[in-house]
Amino acid sequence: MAPFTATPRILVIRAWTEPLVRFREALREAGVVVRITRVDIEPALNAALVRGSFDVIVWDPTSSVTRDVVAARLREHGRTASIVVMEEVGVTVTNIVHTLTARFN
């Protein structure tokens, strides 16, 4: 994957009890260098969106935060980021690469 001029920022919405090790490894293997912020509950999501913007939101459907809530909070905070659903790790990374490529081209 071609490098971006700035390091893309990803917000991962996933329970703290679920590991991100394989996800991070898959991103590295795909040559994707990103800054990851992780939240697990709605107040943490709000705080993250107040502090800054993200290029991609990775949402785990097993999270306690619904996709509708994520979309609503993005609107409320005036943030524009694509939401990628956490699936099998390879599929998720491929979707992130496509999203970032479209966003930065």
N, C-alpha and C. Protein backbone atom coordinates (compact mmCIF):
# COMPACT_ATOMS: atom_id res chain seq x y z
N MET A 1 0.84 -1.17 0.00
CA MET A 1 0.00 0.00 0.00
C MET A 1 0.89 1.24 0.00
N ALA A 2 0.51 2.23 -0.79
CA ALA A 2 1.29 3.46 -0.86
C ALA A 2 1.20 4.22 0.45
N PRO A 3 2.30 4.83 0.89
CA PRO A 3 2.27 5.57 2.15
C PRO A 3 1.45 6.85 2.01
N PHE A 4 0.85 7.27 3.11
CA PHE A 4 0.07 8.49 3.14
C PHE A 4 0.97 9.61 3.66
N THR A 5 0.57 10.86 3.39
CA THR A 5 1.38 11.98 3.85
C THR A 5 1.30 12.14 5.36
N ALA A 6 0.20 11.74 5.96
CA ALA A 6 0.04 11.78 7.41
C ALA A 6 -0.37 10.38 7.87
N THR A 7 -0.08 10.07 9.12
CA THR A 7 -0.46 8.77 9.64
C THR A 7 -1.97 8.75 9.88
N PRO A 8 -2.68 7.86 9.18
CA PRO A 8 -4.13 7.79 9.38
C PRO A 8 -4.48 7.39 10.81
N ARG A 9 -5.60 7.90 11.28
CA ARG A 9 -6.07 7.60 12.63
C ARG A 9 -7.31 6.72 12.56
N ILE A 10 -7.28 5.64 13.31
CA ILE A 10 -8.39 4.70 13.36
C ILE A 10 -8.93 4.66 14.79
N LEU A 11 -10.25 4.74 14.89
CA LEU A 11 -10.92 4.57 16.17
C LEU A 11 -11.56 3.19 16.15
N VAL A 12 -11.15 2.34 17.06
CA VAL A 12 -11.71 1.00 17.17
C VAL A 12 -12.69 0.98 18.33
N ILE A 13 -13.91 0.56 18.03
CA ILE A 13 -14.94 0.44 19.06
C ILE A 13 -15.13 -1.05 19.32
N ARG A 14 -14.54 -1.48 20.41
CA ARG A 14 -14.52 -2.92 20.73
C ARG A 14 -14.27 -3.08 22.23
N ALA A 15 -14.87 -4.10 22.81
CA ALA A 15 -14.70 -4.37 24.24
C ALA A 15 -13.22 -4.58 24.57
N TRP A 16 -12.81 -4.11 25.74
CA TRP A 16 -11.43 -4.28 26.17
C TRP A 16 -11.06 -5.73 26.38
N THR A 17 -12.06 -6.58 26.57
CA THR A 17 -11.79 -8.00 26.78
C THR A 17 -11.46 -8.73 25.48
N GLU A 18 -11.72 -8.07 24.35
CA GLU A 18 -11.41 -8.67 23.05
C GLU A 18 -10.04 -8.18 22.58
N PRO A 19 -9.13 -9.10 22.25
CA PRO A 19 -7.78 -8.69 21.87
C PRO A 19 -7.73 -8.00 20.50
N LEU A 20 -6.73 -7.15 20.32
CA LEU A 20 -6.46 -6.50 19.04
C LEU A 20 -5.15 -6.96 18.43
N VAL A 21 -4.50 -7.92 19.04
CA VAL A 21 -3.17 -8.35 18.59
C VAL A 21 -3.19 -8.78 17.13
N ARG A 22 -4.09 -9.68 16.77
CA ARG A 22 -4.15 -10.17 15.38
C ARG A 22 -4.51 -9.05 14.41
N PHE A 23 -5.39 -8.16 14.83
CA PHE A 23 -5.77 -7.01 14.01
C PHE A 23 -4.56 -6.12 13.72
N ARG A 24 -3.81 -5.81 14.77
CA ARG A 24 -2.60 -4.99 14.60
C ARG A 24 -1.57 -5.68 13.71
N GLU A 25 -1.39 -6.99 13.91
CA GLU A 25 -0.45 -7.76 13.08
C GLU A 25 -0.87 -7.72 11.62
N ALA A 26 -2.15 -7.91 11.35
CA ALA A 26 -2.65 -7.91 9.98
C ALA A 26 -2.45 -6.55 9.31
N LEU A 27 -2.66 -5.48 10.07
CA LEU A 27 -2.40 -4.14 9.52
C LEU A 27 -0.92 -4.00 9.15
N ARG A 28 -0.04 -4.43 10.05
CA ARG A 28 1.41 -4.37 9.78
C ARG A 28 1.78 -5.19 8.56
N GLU A 29 1.24 -6.41 8.48
CA GLU A 29 1.53 -7.30 7.35
C GLU A 29 1.07 -6.69 6.02
N ALA A 30 0.00 -5.90 6.07
CA ALA A 30 -0.52 -5.25 4.87
C ALA A 30 0.22 -3.95 4.57
N GLY A 31 1.17 -3.60 5.43
CA GLY A 31 1.93 -2.38 5.23
C GLY A 31 1.18 -1.12 5.61
N VAL A 32 0.18 -1.27 6.46
CA VAL A 32 -0.64 -0.14 6.87
C VAL A 32 -0.14 0.37 8.22
N VAL A 33 0.32 1.61 8.22
CA VAL A 33 0.79 2.24 9.45
C VAL A 33 -0.29 3.23 9.88
N VAL A 34 -0.86 3.00 11.06
CA VAL A 34 -1.94 3.84 11.56
C VAL A 34 -1.75 4.09 13.05
N ARG A 35 -2.46 5.11 13.54
CA ARG A 35 -2.56 5.34 14.98
C ARG A 35 -3.92 4.81 15.39
N ILE A 36 -3.94 3.93 16.37
CA ILE A 36 -5.19 3.34 16.82
C ILE A 36 -5.57 3.88 18.19
N THR A 37 -6.82 4.32 18.29
CA THR A 37 -7.43 4.68 19.56
C THR A 37 -8.56 3.69 19.77
N ARG A 38 -8.67 3.19 20.98
CA ARG A 38 -9.68 2.17 21.25
C ARG A 38 -10.64 2.67 22.33
N VAL A 39 -11.93 2.47 22.09
CA VAL A 39 -12.94 2.78 23.09
C VAL A 39 -13.88 1.59 23.21
N ASP A 40 -14.57 1.51 24.35
CA ASP A 40 -15.46 0.37 24.53
C ASP A 40 -16.87 0.75 24.98
N ILE A 41 -17.06 1.99 25.41
CA ILE A 41 -18.38 2.42 25.86
C ILE A 41 -18.68 3.80 25.28
N GLU A 42 -19.95 4.16 25.31
CA GLU A 42 -20.37 5.42 24.69
C GLU A 42 -19.69 6.66 25.27
N PRO A 43 -19.54 6.80 26.59
CA PRO A 43 -18.83 7.99 27.08
C PRO A 43 -17.39 8.09 26.54
N ALA A 44 -16.73 6.97 26.39
CA ALA A 44 -15.37 6.98 25.83
C ALA A 44 -15.40 7.36 24.35
N LEU A 45 -16.43 6.91 23.63
CA LEU A 45 -16.60 7.31 22.23
C LEU A 45 -16.77 8.81 22.14
N ASN A 46 -17.64 9.38 22.97
CA ASN A 46 -17.84 10.83 22.97
C ASN A 46 -16.53 11.57 23.26
N ALA A 47 -15.80 11.11 24.26
CA ALA A 47 -14.54 11.76 24.62
C ALA A 47 -13.54 11.71 23.46
N ALA A 48 -13.45 10.57 22.80
CA ALA A 48 -12.52 10.44 21.67
C ALA A 48 -12.90 11.38 20.54
N LEU A 49 -14.19 11.51 20.27
CA LEU A 49 -14.64 12.38 19.18
C LEU A 49 -14.48 13.85 19.52
N VAL A 50 -14.54 14.20 20.80
CA VAL A 50 -14.29 15.57 21.22
C VAL A 50 -12.82 15.92 21.02
N ARG A 51 -11.94 14.98 21.33
CA ARG A 51 -10.49 15.23 21.27
C ARG A 51 -9.95 15.34 19.85
N GLY A 52 -10.56 14.67 18.89
CA GLY A 52 -10.00 14.74 17.54
C GLY A 52 -10.81 13.97 16.53
N SER A 53 -10.34 14.05 15.29
CA SER A 53 -11.03 13.37 14.20
C SER A 53 -10.30 12.07 13.87
N PHE A 54 -11.00 11.21 13.16
CA PHE A 54 -10.46 9.92 12.76
C PHE A 54 -10.75 9.72 11.29
N ASP A 55 -9.89 8.96 10.65
CA ASP A 55 -10.07 8.67 9.22
C ASP A 55 -11.01 7.49 9.02
N VAL A 56 -10.96 6.54 9.93
CA VAL A 56 -11.80 5.35 9.85
C VAL A 56 -12.26 4.98 11.27
N ILE A 57 -13.51 4.57 11.35
CA ILE A 57 -14.05 4.01 12.59
C ILE A 57 -14.22 2.51 12.34
N VAL A 58 -13.60 1.68 13.16
CA VAL A 58 -13.79 0.24 13.06
C VAL A 58 -14.72 -0.16 14.20
N TRP A 59 -15.91 -0.62 13.81
CA TRP A 59 -16.95 -0.94 14.79
C TRP A 59 -17.15 -2.45 14.88
N ASP A 60 -17.05 -2.96 16.08
CA ASP A 60 -17.28 -4.38 16.35
C ASP A 60 -18.76 -4.56 16.68
N PRO A 61 -19.49 -5.37 15.89
CA PRO A 61 -20.92 -5.56 16.13
C PRO A 61 -21.24 -6.16 17.50
N THR A 62 -20.25 -6.76 18.16
CA THR A 62 -20.50 -7.31 19.50
C THR A 62 -20.31 -6.25 20.59
N SER A 63 -19.93 -5.05 20.18
CA SER A 63 -19.71 -3.95 21.12
C SER A 63 -21.02 -3.54 21.79
N SER A 64 -20.91 -2.95 22.96
CA SER A 64 -22.10 -2.44 23.65
C SER A 64 -22.62 -1.16 23.01
N VAL A 65 -21.83 -0.56 22.12
CA VAL A 65 -22.22 0.65 21.41
C VAL A 65 -22.78 0.24 20.05
N THR A 66 -24.01 0.62 19.77
CA THR A 66 -24.62 0.24 18.50
C THR A 66 -24.10 1.09 17.35
N ARG A 67 -24.27 0.58 16.14
CA ARG A 67 -23.84 1.32 14.96
C ARG A 67 -24.63 2.63 14.83
N ASP A 68 -25.91 2.59 15.18
CA ASP A 68 -26.72 3.81 15.12
C ASP A 68 -26.18 4.87 16.07
N VAL A 69 -25.76 4.46 17.25
CA VAL A 69 -25.18 5.41 18.22
C VAL A 69 -23.87 5.98 17.66
N VAL A 70 -23.05 5.14 17.06
CA VAL A 70 -21.79 5.62 16.47
C VAL A 70 -22.08 6.68 15.41
N ALA A 71 -23.01 6.39 14.51
CA ALA A 71 -23.35 7.33 13.45
C ALA A 71 -23.91 8.63 14.04
N ALA A 72 -24.75 8.52 15.05
CA ALA A 72 -25.32 9.71 15.68
C ALA A 72 -24.23 10.56 16.35
N ARG A 73 -23.30 9.93 17.05
CA ARG A 73 -22.24 10.68 17.72
C ARG A 73 -21.31 11.35 16.70
N LEU A 74 -21.04 10.68 15.59
CA LEU A 74 -20.23 11.30 14.54
C LEU A 74 -20.91 12.58 14.05
N ARG A 75 -22.22 12.49 13.80
CA ARG A 75 -22.97 13.68 13.35
C ARG A 75 -22.94 14.78 14.40
N GLU A 76 -23.20 14.41 15.65
CA GLU A 76 -23.25 15.41 16.73
C GLU A 76 -21.93 16.15 16.89
N HIS A 77 -20.83 15.45 16.66
CA HIS A 77 -19.51 16.06 16.83
C HIS A 77 -18.97 16.63 15.52
N GLY A 78 -19.76 16.57 14.47
CA GLY A 78 -19.33 17.11 13.18
C GLY A 78 -18.15 16.37 12.57
N ARG A 79 -18.07 15.08 12.84
CA ARG A 79 -16.96 14.28 12.33
C ARG A 79 -17.41 13.50 11.10
N THR A 80 -16.52 13.40 10.14
CA THR A 80 -16.79 12.61 8.95
C THR A 80 -15.75 11.51 8.87
N ALA A 81 -16.17 10.32 9.13
CA ALA A 81 -15.29 9.16 9.04
C ALA A 81 -16.11 7.98 8.55
N SER A 82 -15.50 7.16 7.75
CA SER A 82 -16.18 5.95 7.28
C SER A 82 -16.19 4.92 8.39
N ILE A 83 -17.28 4.18 8.47
CA ILE A 83 -17.40 3.11 9.45
C ILE A 83 -17.14 1.78 8.75
N VAL A 84 -16.16 1.06 9.25
CA VAL A 84 -15.84 -0.28 8.75
C VAL A 84 -16.26 -1.27 9.84
N VAL A 85 -17.01 -2.27 9.44
CA VAL A 85 -17.48 -3.28 10.40
C VAL A 85 -16.37 -4.29 10.63
N MET A 86 -16.11 -4.57 11.91
CA MET A 86 -15.11 -5.58 12.28
C MET A 86 -15.66 -6.95 11.91
N GLU A 87 -14.97 -7.60 10.99
CA GLU A 87 -15.33 -8.94 10.54
C GLU A 87 -14.10 -9.82 10.74
N GLU A 88 -13.98 -10.83 9.93
CA GLU A 88 -12.74 -11.62 9.93
C GLU A 88 -11.62 -10.64 9.66
N VAL A 89 -10.50 -10.82 10.34
CA VAL A 89 -9.45 -9.79 10.35
C VAL A 89 -8.95 -9.43 8.95
N GLY A 90 -8.79 -10.41 8.08
CA GLY A 90 -8.32 -10.12 6.72
C GLY A 90 -9.30 -9.26 5.94
N VAL A 91 -10.58 -9.55 6.09
CA VAL A 91 -11.62 -8.76 5.42
C VAL A 91 -11.64 -7.34 5.98
N THR A 92 -11.53 -7.22 7.29
CA THR A 92 -11.54 -5.90 7.92
C THR A 92 -10.37 -5.06 7.44
N VAL A 93 -9.17 -5.64 7.40
CA VAL A 93 -7.99 -4.89 6.95
C VAL A 93 -8.14 -4.49 5.49
N THR A 94 -8.64 -5.39 4.65
CA THR A 94 -8.86 -5.06 3.24
C THR A 94 -9.83 -3.88 3.12
N ASN A 95 -10.89 -3.90 3.90
CA ASN A 95 -11.86 -2.80 3.87
C ASN A 95 -11.25 -1.49 4.36
N ILE A 96 -10.38 -1.57 5.35
CA ILE A 96 -9.69 -0.37 5.83
C ILE A 96 -8.78 0.19 4.74
N VAL A 97 -8.03 -0.68 4.09
CA VAL A 97 -7.13 -0.24 3.01
C VAL A 97 -7.93 0.46 1.91
N HIS A 98 -9.04 -0.13 1.49
CA HIS A 98 -9.88 0.49 0.45
C HIS A 98 -10.41 1.84 0.92
N THR A 99 -10.84 1.90 2.15
CA THR A 99 -11.39 3.15 2.70
C THR A 99 -10.33 4.23 2.76
N LEU A 100 -9.15 3.88 3.27
CA LEU A 100 -8.07 4.87 3.37
C LEU A 100 -7.59 5.33 1.99
N THR A 101 -7.51 4.39 1.06
CA THR A 101 -7.08 4.74 -0.30
C THR A 101 -8.07 5.73 -0.91
N ALA A 102 -9.35 5.47 -0.75
CA ALA A 102 -10.36 6.38 -1.30
C ALA A 102 -10.31 7.74 -0.60
N ARG A 103 -10.07 7.74 0.69
CA ARG A 103 -10.07 8.98 1.47
C ARG A 103 -8.87 9.86 1.13
N PHE A 104 -7.72 9.23 0.90
CA PHE A 104 -6.49 10.02 0.68
C PHE A 104 -6.13 10.22 -0.78
N ASN A 105 -6.92 9.70 -1.68
CA ASN A 105 -6.65 9.92 -3.13
C ASN A 105 -7.58 10.93 -3.70
